[in-house]
C-alpha atoms as a PDB file:
ATOM      1  CA  MET A   1     145.104  81.096  67.256  1.00  0.00           C
ATOM      2  CA  GLN A   2     148.857  82.419  67.078  1.00  0.00           C
ATOM      3  CA  LEU A   3     148.552  83.484  70.780  1.00  0.00           C
ATOM      4  CA  PHE A   4     147.196  79.871  71.642  1.00  0.00           C
ATOM      5  CA  TRP A   5     150.650  78.206  70.378  1.00  0.00           C
ATOM      6  CA  HIS A   6     152.737  80.938  71.753  1.00  0.00           C
ATOM      7  CA  LEU A   7     151.052  80.223  75.325  1.00  0.00           C
ATOM      8  CA  LEU A   8     151.479  76.260  74.825  1.00  0.00           C
ATOM      9  CA  SER A   9     155.418  77.009  73.689  1.00  0.00           C
ATOM     10  CA  LEU A  10     155.576  78.384  77.195  1.00  0.00           C
ATOM     11  CA  THR A  11     153.458  75.753  79.266  1.00  0.00           C
ATOM     12  CA  ALA A  12     154.392  72.608  77.476  1.00  0.00           C
ATOM     13  CA  PRO A  13     157.827  72.343  78.813  1.00  0.00           C
ATOM     14  CA  LEU A  14     156.449  73.004  82.725  1.00  0.00           C
ATOM     15  CA  PHE A  15     153.790  69.920  82.465  1.00  0.00           C
ATOM     16  CA  LEU A  16     156.832  67.857  80.259  1.00  0.00           C
ATOM     17  CA  LEU A  17     158.715  68.667  83.638  1.00  0.00           C
ATOM     18  CA  ILE A  18     156.041  66.765  85.427  1.00  0.00           C
ATOM     19  CA  GLY A  19     156.229  63.985  83.083  1.00  0.00           C
ATOM     20  CA  VAL A  20     160.150  63.356  83.530  1.00  0.00           C
ATOM     21  CA  GLY A  21     159.022  63.028  87.189  1.00  0.00           C
ATOM     22  CA  TYR A  22     156.393  60.878  86.674  1.00  0.00           C
ATOM     23  CA  ALA A  23     158.324  58.966  84.302  1.00  0.00           C
ATOM     24  CA  LEU A  24     161.260  58.423  86.633  1.00  0.00           C
ATOM     25  CA  THR A  25     159.310  57.021  89.560  1.00  0.00           C
ATOM     26  CA  ARG A  26     157.009  54.906  87.441  1.00  0.00           C
ATOM     27  CA  TRP A  27     159.404  53.384  85.198  1.00  0.00           C
ATOM     28  CA  GLY A  28     162.706  54.116  86.174  1.00  0.00           C
ATOM     29  CA  ARG A  29     162.015  52.879  89.654  1.00  0.00           C
ATOM     30  CA  TRP A  30     163.505  55.842  91.326  1.00  0.00           C
ATOM     31  CA  PRO A  31     162.664  55.092  95.340  1.00  0.00           C
ATOM     32  CA  LYS A  32     159.714  56.939  97.151  1.00  0.00           C
ATOM     33  CA  SER A  33     162.519  58.582  99.457  1.00  0.00           C
ATOM     34  CA  ALA A  34     164.144  60.120  96.265  1.00  0.00           C
ATOM     35  CA  SER A  35     160.403  61.766  95.963  1.00  0.00           C
ATOM     36  CA  ASP A  36     160.000  62.965  99.761  1.00  0.00           C
ATOM     37  CA  ALA A  37     163.240  64.414  99.923  1.00  0.00           C
ATOM     38  CA  LEU A  38     162.828  66.107  96.368  1.00  0.00           C
ATOM     39  CA  THR A  39     159.266  67.478  97.659  1.00  0.00           C
ATOM     40  CA  GLN A  40     160.805  68.658 101.014  1.00  0.00           C
ATOM     41  CA  PHE A  41     163.410  70.558  99.639  1.00  0.00           C
ATOM     42  CA  VAL A  42     161.153  72.160  97.048  1.00  0.00           C
ATOM     43  CA  PHE A  43     158.163  72.979  99.472  1.00  0.00           C
ATOM     44  CA  SER A  44     160.933  74.025 102.430  1.00  0.00           C
ATOM     45  CA  VAL A  45     163.718  75.842 100.782  1.00  0.00           C
ATOM     46  CA  ALA A  46     163.083  76.218  97.169  1.00  0.00           C
ATOM     47  CA  ILE A  47     159.995  77.993  96.553  1.00  0.00           C
ATOM     48  CA  PRO A  48     159.893  80.120  99.908  1.00  0.00           C
ATOM     49  CA  ALA A  49     163.650  81.300  98.867  1.00  0.00           C
ATOM     50  CA  LEU A  50     161.941  82.420  95.055  1.00  0.00           C
ATOM     51  CA  LEU A  51     158.846  84.279  97.042  1.00  0.00           C
ATOM     52  CA  PHE A  52     160.664  85.698  99.482  1.00  0.00           C
ATOM     53  CA  ARG A  53     163.093  87.293  96.689  1.00  0.00           C
ATOM     54  CA  LEU A  54     160.214  88.249  94.723  1.00  0.00           C
ATOM     55  CA  MET A  55     158.511  89.525  97.699  1.00  0.00           C
ATOM     56  CA  SER A  56     161.263  91.776  99.065  1.00  0.00           C
ATOM     57  CA  ASP A  57     160.332  94.272  96.426  1.00  0.00           C
ATOM     58  CA  PHE A  58     156.661  94.473  97.618  1.00  0.00           C
ATOM     59  CA  SER A  59     156.590  98.013  99.192  1.00  0.00           C
ATOM     60  CA  ARG A  60     158.249  99.338  95.243  1.00  0.00           C
ATOM     61  CA  MET A  61     155.550  96.970  93.556  1.00  0.00           C
ATOM     62  CA  PRO A  62     152.037  98.315  92.116  1.00  0.00           C
ATOM     63  CA  PRO A  63     149.403  97.693  94.960  1.00  0.00           C
ATOM     64  CA  VAL A  64     147.224  94.983  94.567  1.00  0.00           C
ATOM     65  CA  ASP A  65     143.525  94.890  94.364  1.00  0.00           C
ATOM     66  CA  THR A  66     142.518  93.034  97.537  1.00  0.00           C
ATOM     67  CA  MET A  67     138.957  92.182  96.114  1.00  0.00           C
ATOM     68  CA  LEU A  68     140.568  89.402  94.216  1.00  0.00           C
ATOM     69  CA  LEU A  69     140.500  87.430  97.818  1.00  0.00           C
ATOM     70  CA  VAL A  70     136.646  87.929  97.331  1.00  0.00           C
ATOM     71  CA  ALA A  71     136.486  86.631  93.555  1.00  0.00           C
ATOM     72  CA  PHE A  72     138.559  83.760  94.263  1.00  0.00           C
ATOM     73  CA  PHE A  73     137.466  82.656  97.674  1.00  0.00           C
ATOM     74  CA  GLY A  74     133.815  83.799  96.575  1.00  0.00           C
ATOM     75  CA  ALA A  75     133.807  81.536  93.949  1.00  0.00           C
ATOM     76  CA  CYS A  76     135.458  78.946  95.944  1.00  0.00           C
ATOM     77  CA  ILE A  77     132.340  78.850  98.078  1.00  0.00           C
ATOM     78  CA  VAL A  78     129.879  78.645  95.155  1.00  0.00           C
ATOM     79  CA  VAL A  79     131.913  75.464  93.346  1.00  0.00           C
ATOM     80  CA  PHE A  80     131.772  74.051  96.824  1.00  0.00           C
ATOM     81  CA  VAL A  81     128.385  73.904  97.353  1.00  0.00           C
ATOM     82  CA  ILE A  82     128.079  72.710  93.737  1.00  0.00           C
ATOM     83  CA  GLY A  83     130.330  70.476  94.439  1.00  0.00           C
ATOM     84  CA  ARG A  84     128.276  68.808  97.302  1.00  0.00           C
ATOM     85  CA  LEU A  85     124.946  68.754  95.576  1.00  0.00           C
ATOM     86  CA  VAL A  86     126.797  67.017  92.366  1.00  0.00           C
ATOM     87  CA  SER A  87     127.889  64.580  94.654  1.00  0.00           C
ATOM     88  CA  TYR A  88     124.685  64.098  96.463  1.00  0.00           C
ATOM     89  CA  ALA A  89     122.470  63.850  93.387  1.00  0.00           C
ATOM     90  CA  LEU A  90     124.692  61.805  90.826  1.00  0.00           C
ATOM     91  CA  PHE A  91     126.994  59.579  93.523  1.00  0.00           C
ATOM     92  CA  HIS A  92     124.604  59.247  96.407  1.00  0.00           C
ATOM     93  CA  ARG A  93     127.061  60.551  98.874  1.00  0.00           C
ATOM     94  CA  ASP A  94     127.055  61.168 102.747  1.00  0.00           C
ATOM     95  CA  GLY A  95     127.796  64.559 104.080  1.00  0.00           C
ATOM     96  CA  ALA A  96     131.503  63.976 104.652  1.00  0.00           C
ATOM     97  CA  ALA A  97     132.476  62.350 101.273  1.00  0.00           C
ATOM     98  CA  GLN A  98     130.341  65.502  99.701  1.00  0.00           C
ATOM     99  CA  SER A  99     132.686  67.734 101.297  1.00  0.00           C
ATOM    100  CA  VAL A 100     135.970  66.266 100.119  1.00  0.00           C
ATOM    101  CA  PHE A 101     134.373  65.984  96.777  1.00  0.00           C
ATOM    102  CA  ALA A 102     133.550  69.337  96.616  1.00  0.00           C
ATOM    103  CA  LEU A 103     137.050  70.512  98.066  1.00  0.00           C
ATOM    104  CA  GLY A 104     138.680  68.690  95.091  1.00  0.00           C
ATOM    105  CA  GLY A 105     136.680  71.241  93.040  1.00  0.00           C
ATOM    106  CA  ILE A 106     138.012  74.139  94.389  1.00  0.00           C
ATOM    107  CA  PHE A 107     141.705  73.121  96.318  1.00  0.00           C
ATOM    108  CA  SER A 108     144.438  73.630  93.728  1.00  0.00           C
ATOM    109  CA  ASN A 109     148.023  72.997  93.294  1.00  0.00           C
ATOM    110  CA  ASN A 110     148.991  76.167  94.203  1.00  0.00           C
ATOM    111  CA  VAL A 111     152.271  76.049  95.328  1.00  0.00           C
ATOM    112  CA  LEU A 112     154.014  73.298  93.435  1.00  0.00           C
ATOM    113  CA  LEU A 113     152.615  74.229  89.652  1.00  0.00           C
ATOM    114  CA  GLY A 114     150.736  77.325  90.186  1.00  0.00           C
ATOM    115  CA  VAL A 115     153.401  79.651  91.241  1.00  0.00           C
ATOM    116  CA  PRO A 116     155.729  78.050  88.427  1.00  0.00           C
ATOM    117  CA  VAL A 117     153.300  78.224  85.551  1.00  0.00           C
ATOM    118  CA  ALA A 118     152.559  82.128  86.491  1.00  0.00           C
ATOM    119  CA  ASN A 119     155.917  83.207  87.209  1.00  0.00           C
ATOM    120  CA  VAL A 120     156.580  81.849  83.596  1.00  0.00           C
ATOM    121  CA  THR A 121     153.293  83.077  81.635  1.00  0.00           C
ATOM    122  CA  LEU A 122     152.291  85.929  83.425  1.00  0.00           C
ATOM    123  CA  GLY A 123     155.619  87.025  85.052  1.00  0.00           C
ATOM    124  CA  GLU A 124     156.698  88.331  88.406  1.00  0.00           C
ATOM    125  CA  ALA A 125     153.883  91.418  88.481  1.00  0.00           C
ATOM    126  CA  SER A 126     151.626  88.504  89.098  1.00  0.00           C
ATOM    127  CA  ILE A 127     153.381  87.064  92.233  1.00  0.00           C
ATOM    128  CA  PRO A 128     151.788  89.517  94.839  1.00  0.00           C
ATOM    129  CA  SER A 129     148.434  88.508  93.607  1.00  0.00           C
ATOM    130  CA  VAL A 130     149.412  84.788  93.573  1.00  0.00           C
ATOM    131  CA  SER A 131     151.303  84.956  96.826  1.00  0.00           C
ATOM    132  CA  LEU A 132     147.987  86.790  98.377  1.00  0.00           C
ATOM    133  CA  ILE A 133     146.008  83.608  97.606  1.00  0.00           C
ATOM    134  CA  VAL A 134     148.286  80.890  98.536  1.00  0.00           C
ATOM    135  CA  ILE A 135     148.568  82.730 102.156  1.00  0.00           C
ATOM    136  CA  PHE A 136     144.790  82.222 102.643  1.00  0.00           C
ATOM    137  CA  ASN A 137     144.077  79.276 100.326  1.00  0.00           C
ATOM    138  CA  ALA A 138     145.170  76.557 102.953  1.00  0.00           C
ATOM    139  CA  LEU A 139     143.464  78.534 106.017  1.00  0.00           C
ATOM    140  CA  LEU A 140     140.390  79.497 104.602  1.00  0.00           C
ATOM    141  CA  LEU A 141     139.889  76.085 102.400  1.00  0.00           C
ATOM    142  CA  TRP A 142     140.871  73.541 105.383  1.00  0.00           C
ATOM    143  CA  THR A 143     138.702  75.243 107.794  1.00  0.00           C
ATOM    144  CA  LEU A 144     135.699  75.475 105.266  1.00  0.00           C
ATOM    145  CA  VAL A 145     136.163  71.686 104.602  1.00  0.00           C
ATOM    146  CA  THR A 146     136.645  70.605 108.173  1.00  0.00           C
ATOM    147  CA  VAL A 147     133.690  72.757 109.326  1.00  0.00           C
ATOM    148  CA  SER A 148     131.436  70.887 106.476  1.00  0.00           C
ATOM    149  CA  VAL A 149     132.860  67.534 107.646  1.00  0.00           C
ATOM    150  CA  GLU A 150     131.752  67.779 111.260  1.00  0.00           C
ATOM    151  CA  TRP A 151     129.145  69.608 110.797  1.00  0.00           C
ATOM    152  CA  SER A 152     128.062  66.357 108.670  1.00  0.00           C
ATOM    153  CA  ARG A 153     128.828  63.892 111.068  1.00  0.00           C
ATOM    154  CA  HIS A 154     128.660  65.377 114.632  1.00  0.00           C
ATOM    155  CA  GLY A 155     126.883  68.498 114.192  1.00  0.00           C
ATOM    156  CA  THR A 156     129.247  70.805 116.114  1.00  0.00           C
ATOM    157  CA  TRP A 157     132.618  72.337 115.338  1.00  0.00           C
ATOM    158  CA  THR A 158     135.333  73.668 117.685  1.00  0.00           C
ATOM    159  CA  TRP A 159     137.659  76.115 118.044  1.00  0.00           C
ATOM    160  CA  SER A 160     140.709  74.162 118.604  1.00  0.00           C
ATOM    161  CA  GLY A 161     140.333  72.677 115.276  1.00  0.00           C
ATOM    162  CA  PHE A 162     140.746  76.041 113.583  1.00  0.00           C
ATOM    163  CA  ARG A 163     143.665  76.990 115.713  1.00  0.00           C
ATOM    164  CA  GLY A 164     145.185  73.954 114.901  1.00  0.00           C
ATOM    165  CA  THR A 165     144.618  74.528 111.080  1.00  0.00           C
ATOM    166  CA  ALA A 166     145.862  78.540 111.663  1.00  0.00           C
ATOM    167  CA  TRP A 167     148.868  77.536 113.258  1.00  0.00           C
ATOM    168  CA  GLY A 168     149.651  75.160 110.610  1.00  0.00           C
ATOM    169  CA  VAL A 169     149.391  78.005 108.360  1.00  0.00           C
ATOM    170  CA  LEU A 170     151.561  80.247 109.576  1.00  0.00           C
ATOM    171  CA  THR A 171     154.481  77.952 110.210  1.00  0.00           C
ATOM    172  CA  ASN A 172     153.762  76.690 106.579  1.00  0.00           C
ATOM    173  CA  PRO A 173     157.820  77.573 105.031  1.00  0.00           C
ATOM    174  CA  VAL A 174     155.462  79.101 101.746  1.00  0.00           C
ATOM    175  CA  VAL A 175     153.641  81.445 103.775  1.00  0.00           C
ATOM    176  CA  ALA A 176     156.490  81.972 106.105  1.00  0.00           C
ATOM    177  CA  GLY A 177     158.652  82.958 102.940  1.00  0.00           C
ATOM    178  CA  ILE A 178     155.825  85.114 101.302  1.00  0.00           C
ATOM    179  CA  LEU A 179     155.620  86.899 104.978  1.00  0.00           C
ATOM    180  CA  ALA A 180     158.918  87.357 105.474  1.00  0.00           C
ATOM    181  CA  GLY A 181     159.675  89.059 102.003  1.00  0.00           C
ATOM    182  CA  THR A 182     157.338  91.262 102.157  1.00  0.00           C
ATOM    183  CA  LEU A 183     158.085  92.495 105.492  1.00  0.00           C
ATOM    184  CA  PHE A 184     161.454  92.957 104.432  1.00  0.00           C
ATOM    185  CA  GLY A 185     160.272  94.709 101.046  1.00  0.00           C
ATOM    186  CA  PHE A 186     158.757  97.085 103.625  1.00  0.00           C
ATOM    187  CA  THR A 187     161.869  98.092 105.572  1.00  0.00           C
ATOM    188  CA  GLY A 188     163.115  99.757 102.446  1.00  0.00           C
ATOM    189  CA  VAL A 189     166.557  97.919 102.626  1.00  0.00           C
ATOM    190  CA  THR A 190     167.894  96.057  99.649  1.00  0.00           C
ATOM    191  CA  LEU A 191     169.206  92.677  99.716  1.00  0.00           C
ATOM    192  CA  PRO A 192     173.264  92.464  99.743  1.00  0.00           C
ATOM    193  CA  GLY A 193     174.520  91.751  96.545  1.00  0.00           C
ATOM    194  CA  VAL A 194     175.514  87.873  97.496  1.00  0.00           C
ATOM    195  CA  VAL A 195     172.405  87.281  99.185  1.00  0.00           C
ATOM    196  CA  ASP A 196     170.403  88.215  96.182  1.00  0.00           C
ATOM    197  CA  GLN A 197     172.034  85.879  93.816  1.00  0.00           C
ATOM    198  CA  THR A 198     172.226  83.271  95.939  1.00  0.00           C
ATOM    199  CA  LEU A 199     168.668  83.589  96.538  1.00  0.00           C
ATOM    200  CA  LEU A 200     168.229  83.878  92.637  1.00  0.00           C
ATOM    201  CA  LEU A 201     170.142  80.922  91.939  1.00  0.00           C
ATOM    202  CA  MET A 202     167.847  78.919  94.342  1.00  0.00           C
ATOM    203  CA  SER A 203     164.944  80.208  92.636  1.00  0.00           C
ATOM    204  CA  GLN A 204     166.155  79.273  89.222  1.00  0.00           C
ATOM    205  CA  ALA A 205     166.000  75.783  90.612  1.00  0.00           C
ATOM    206  CA  ALA A 206     162.479  75.822  92.280  1.00  0.00           C
ATOM    207  CA  VAL A 207     160.639  75.880  88.944  1.00  0.00           C
ATOM    208  CA  PRO A 208     161.725  72.970  87.262  1.00  0.00           C
ATOM    209  CA  LEU A 209     162.653  70.904  90.681  1.00  0.00           C
ATOM    210  CA  SER A 210     158.864  71.581  92.090  1.00  0.00           C
ATOM    211  CA  LEU A 211     157.409  70.084  88.161  1.00  0.00           C
ATOM    212  CA  ILE A 212     159.482  67.388  88.986  1.00  0.00           C
ATOM    213  CA  ALA A 213     158.805  66.485  92.237  1.00  0.00           C
ATOM    214  CA  LEU A 214     155.232  67.205  91.391  1.00  0.00           C
ATOM    215  CA  GLY A 215     155.393  64.301  88.627  1.00  0.00           C
ATOM    216  CA  MET A 216     156.898  62.006  91.162  1.00  0.00           C
ATOM    217  CA  GLY A 217     154.539  62.598  93.727  1.00  0.00           C
ATOM    218  CA  LEU A 218     151.569  61.645  90.979  1.00  0.00           C
ATOM    219  CA  ALA A 219     153.318  58.497  89.973  1.00  0.00           C
ATOM    220  CA  GLU A 220     152.496  57.252  93.290  1.00  0.00           C
ATOM    221  CA  TYR A 221     148.915  57.094  93.011  1.00  0.00           C
ATOM    222  CA  GLY A 222     146.453  54.980  90.954  1.00  0.00           C
ATOM    223  CA  THR A 223     143.939  56.024  88.101  1.00  0.00           C
ATOM    224  CA  ARG A 224     140.936  53.345  87.959  1.00  0.00           C
ATOM    225  CA  GLU A 225     139.037  53.761  91.273  1.00  0.00           C
ATOM    226  CA  GLY A 226     136.384  55.750  91.087  1.00  0.00           C
ATOM    227  CA  TRP A 227     137.159  57.339  87.489  1.00  0.00           C
ATOM    228  CA  ARG A 228     133.774  58.660  87.060  1.00  0.00           C
ATOM    229  CA  GLU A 229     133.715  60.562  90.647  1.00  0.00           C
ATOM    230  CA  SER A 230     137.301  61.789  89.660  1.00  0.00           C
ATOM    231  CA  ALA A 231     135.955  63.136  86.170  1.00  0.00           C
ATOM    232  CA  ALA A 232     133.508  65.291  87.863  1.00  0.00           C
ATOM    233  CA  ILE A 233     135.863  66.364  90.042  1.00  0.00           C
ATOM    234  CA  THR A 234     138.147  67.478  87.291  1.00  0.00           C
ATOM    235  CA  VAL A 235     135.517  69.022  85.248  1.00  0.00           C
ATOM    236  CA  LEU A 236     134.589  71.187  88.262  1.00  0.00           C
ATOM    237  CA  LYS A 237     138.416  72.153  88.987  1.00  0.00           C
ATOM    238  CA  LEU A 238     139.526  72.550  85.278  1.00  0.00           C
ATOM    239  CA  VAL A 239     136.080  74.157  83.970  1.00  0.00           C
ATOM    240  CA  VAL A 240     133.645  75.256  86.467  1.00  0.00           C
ATOM    241  CA  GLN A 241     136.001  77.324  89.177  1.00  0.00           C
ATOM    242  CA  PRO A 242     138.141  79.249  86.620  1.00  0.00           C
ATOM    243  CA  THR A 243     134.729  80.341  84.976  1.00  0.00           C
ATOM    244  CA  VAL A 244     133.044  81.290  88.195  1.00  0.00           C
ATOM    245  CA  VAL A 245     136.212  83.027  89.444  1.00  0.00           C
ATOM    246  CA  TRP A 246     136.199  85.091  86.345  1.00  0.00           C
ATOM    247  CA  LEU A 247     132.746  86.023  86.267  1.00  0.00           C
ATOM    248  CA  LEU A 248     133.101  87.193  89.869  1.00  0.00           C
ATOM    249  CA  ALA A 249     136.227  88.950  88.902  1.00  0.00           C
ATOM    250  CA  ARG A 250     134.250  90.898  85.900  1.00  0.00           C
ATOM    251  CA  ALA A 251     131.893  91.868  88.206  1.00  0.00           C
ATOM    252  CA  LEU A 252     134.509  93.180  90.600  1.00  0.00           C
ATOM    253  CA  SER A 253     135.963  94.774  88.134  1.00  0.00           C
ATOM    254  CA  LEU A 254     139.428  93.581  88.960  1.00  0.00           C
ATOM    255  CA  PRO A 255     142.457  94.910  86.754  1.00  0.00           C
ATOM    256  CA  PRO A 256     143.784  92.910  84.389  1.00  0.00           C
ATOM    257  CA  THR A 257     146.770  91.642  86.470  1.00  0.00           C
ATOM    258  CA  GLU A 258     144.813  90.338  88.974  1.00  0.00           C
ATOM    259  CA  THR A 259     142.058  89.031  86.860  1.00  0.00           C
ATOM    260  CA  GLN A 260     144.850  87.049  84.930  1.00  0.00           C
ATOM    261  CA  ALA A 261     146.335  85.545  88.589  1.00  0.00           C
ATOM    262  CA  VAL A 262     142.804  84.599  90.267  1.00  0.00           C
ATOM    263  CA  VAL A 263     141.902  82.638  87.017  1.00  0.00           C
ATOM    264  CA  LEU A 264     145.094  81.054  86.353  1.00  0.00           C
ATOM    265  CA  LEU A 265     145.154  79.692  90.344  1.00  0.00           C
ATOM    266  CA  ALA A 266     141.464  78.857  89.674  1.00  0.00           C
ATOM    267  CA  ALA A 267     142.293  76.568  86.764  1.00  0.00           C
ATOM    268  CA  MET A 268     145.127  74.528  88.223  1.00  0.00           C
ATOM    269  CA  PRO A 269     144.718  71.000  88.578  1.00  0.00           C
ATOM    270  CA  VAL A 270     143.639  69.382  92.079  1.00  0.00           C
ATOM    271  CA  GLY A 271     146.160  70.012  94.853  1.00  0.00           C
ATOM    272  CA  ALA A 272     147.676  66.970  96.933  1.00  0.00           C
ATOM    273  CA  ASN A 273     146.043  68.284 100.000  1.00  0.00           C
ATOM    274  CA  VAL A 274     142.644  67.287  98.963  1.00  0.00           C
ATOM    275  CA  TYR A 275     144.207  63.504  99.455  1.00  0.00           C
ATOM    276  CA  LEU A 276     145.466  64.144 102.462  1.00  0.00           C
ATOM    277  CA  MET A 277     141.842  65.408 103.537  1.00  0.00           C
ATOM    278  CA  SER A 278     140.543  62.623 102.089  1.00  0.00           C
ATOM    279  CA  ARG A 279     142.736  60.140 104.178  1.00  0.00           C
ATOM    280  CA  GLU A 280     142.449  62.104 107.416  1.00  0.00           C
ATOM    281  CA  PHE A 281     138.395  61.331 107.121  1.00  0.00           C
ATOM    282  CA  ARG A 282     139.040  58.099 105.486  1.00  0.00           C
ATOM    283  CA  THR A 283     136.532  58.683 102.814  1.00  0.00           C
ATOM    284  CA  MET A 284     137.286  59.296  98.721  1.00  0.00           C
ATOM    285  CA  GLU A 285     140.597  58.238  98.507  1.00  0.00           C
ATOM    286  CA  GLY A 286     140.401  56.434  95.117  1.00  0.00           C
ATOM    287  CA  PRO A 287     138.157  59.019  93.502  1.00  0.00           C
ATOM    288  CA  VAL A 288     140.319  61.737  94.820  1.00  0.00           C
ATOM    289  CA  ALA A 289     143.592  60.124  93.947  1.00  0.00           C
ATOM    290  CA  SER A 290     142.675  59.696  90.571  1.00  0.00           C
ATOM    291  CA  SER A 291     141.750  62.966  89.952  1.00  0.00           C
ATOM    292  CA  LEU A 292     145.050  64.200  91.103  1.00  0.00           C
ATOM    293  CA  VAL A 293     146.296  62.380  87.725  1.00  0.00           C
ATOM    294  CA  LEU A 294     143.719  62.920  85.732  1.00  0.00           C
ATOM    295  CA  SER A 295     143.567  66.929  85.936  1.00  0.00           C
ATOM    296  CA  THR A 296     147.248  67.419  85.945  1.00  0.00           C
ATOM    297  CA  ALA A 297     146.981  65.544  82.430  1.00  0.00           C
ATOM    298  CA  ILE A 298     144.311  67.588  81.374  1.00  0.00           C
ATOM    299  CA  ALA A 299     145.791  70.596  82.804  1.00  0.00           C
ATOM    300  CA  ALA A 300     148.950  70.823  79.980  1.00  0.00           C
ATOM    301  CA  ALA A 301     145.710  71.417  77.400  1.00  0.00           C
ATOM    302  CA  THR A 302     143.406  73.452  79.371  1.00  0.00           C
ATOM    303  CA  THR A 303     146.137  75.866  80.762  1.00  0.00           C
ATOM    304  CA  PRO A 304     147.228  77.381  77.624  1.00  0.00           C
ATOM    305  CA  ILE A 305     143.425  77.447  76.734  1.00  0.00           C
ATOM    306  CA  THR A 306     142.580  79.541  79.860  1.00  0.00           C
ATOM    307  CA  LEU A 307     145.459  82.135  79.147  1.00  0.00           C
ATOM    308  CA  ALA A 308     144.243  82.278  75.693  1.00  0.00           C
ATOM    309  CA  LEU A 309     140.694  83.182  76.334  1.00  0.00           C
ATOM    310  CA  LEU A 310     141.888  85.821  79.322  1.00  0.00           C
ATOM    311  CA  ALA A 311     143.914  87.607  76.848  1.00  0.00           C
ATOM    312  CA  ALA A 312     141.258  87.585  74.236  1.00  0.00           C
ATOM    313  CA  ALA A 313     138.552  88.732  76.881  1.00  0.00           C
ATOM    314  CA  SER A 314     140.987  91.360  78.308  1.00  0.00           C
END
């Protein structure tokens, strides 16, 4: 119990910052343009700077067990299938809606929330593992749901769609920051002091600003439409996915650092990309928007619980 309260003291300020951002937009009447500008800065500058600086020492860090990709994305496939079955059996949704519903159960908010939480609770040693997941997350999961939706609607899928998704991932500022930092780390060159200090200041700003930006973004979504489906998505995301990831990690005998990192990312709330996908395919917009707010609010309690259970099991 003492460990739980310690972890709660670490994570509570992070979720309170989300609440600050939510309050600024919902009751402080800050314009949407402010939220958009802050999100763009965090996503394009602050988080990439944080990850570049941390990954610039990648060659000197302990090696990462790449089987963590099997544990994380293998669990994603299992939970995706479960999500489609739940959507069909309980809510009688068609194939496209089942796919978006299932995506909500596996696509975490890894950038705006997962990276800051991992950095604060697990430390910098977890960042290489987190970065591997971030690099492949969008590419693999967007491809999975795109194939699933297109196959449901047309029975076919084209390579042009995959190429577009892959290019979008490679040009993503967060992924670019990870890759550039990793490549720089392998050169063996040390960052000049003035550059390192500049990146450090930007990195320190990345955590609070990303959480405030997340809260401001959540204020744009409603919470009432399709609440039964949003509740089911939330259970899949915060309970089922981290459980399956943990089971696979144990089965693969992943080291403690990798296990903690992948389970923590799996336990993060629904990512905003799921809402973008629902808009693109014009299905499940209401329930997905509700699940963003609901899962983030509940994650304030489930995140320290997950971390405490991980510590007890290790």
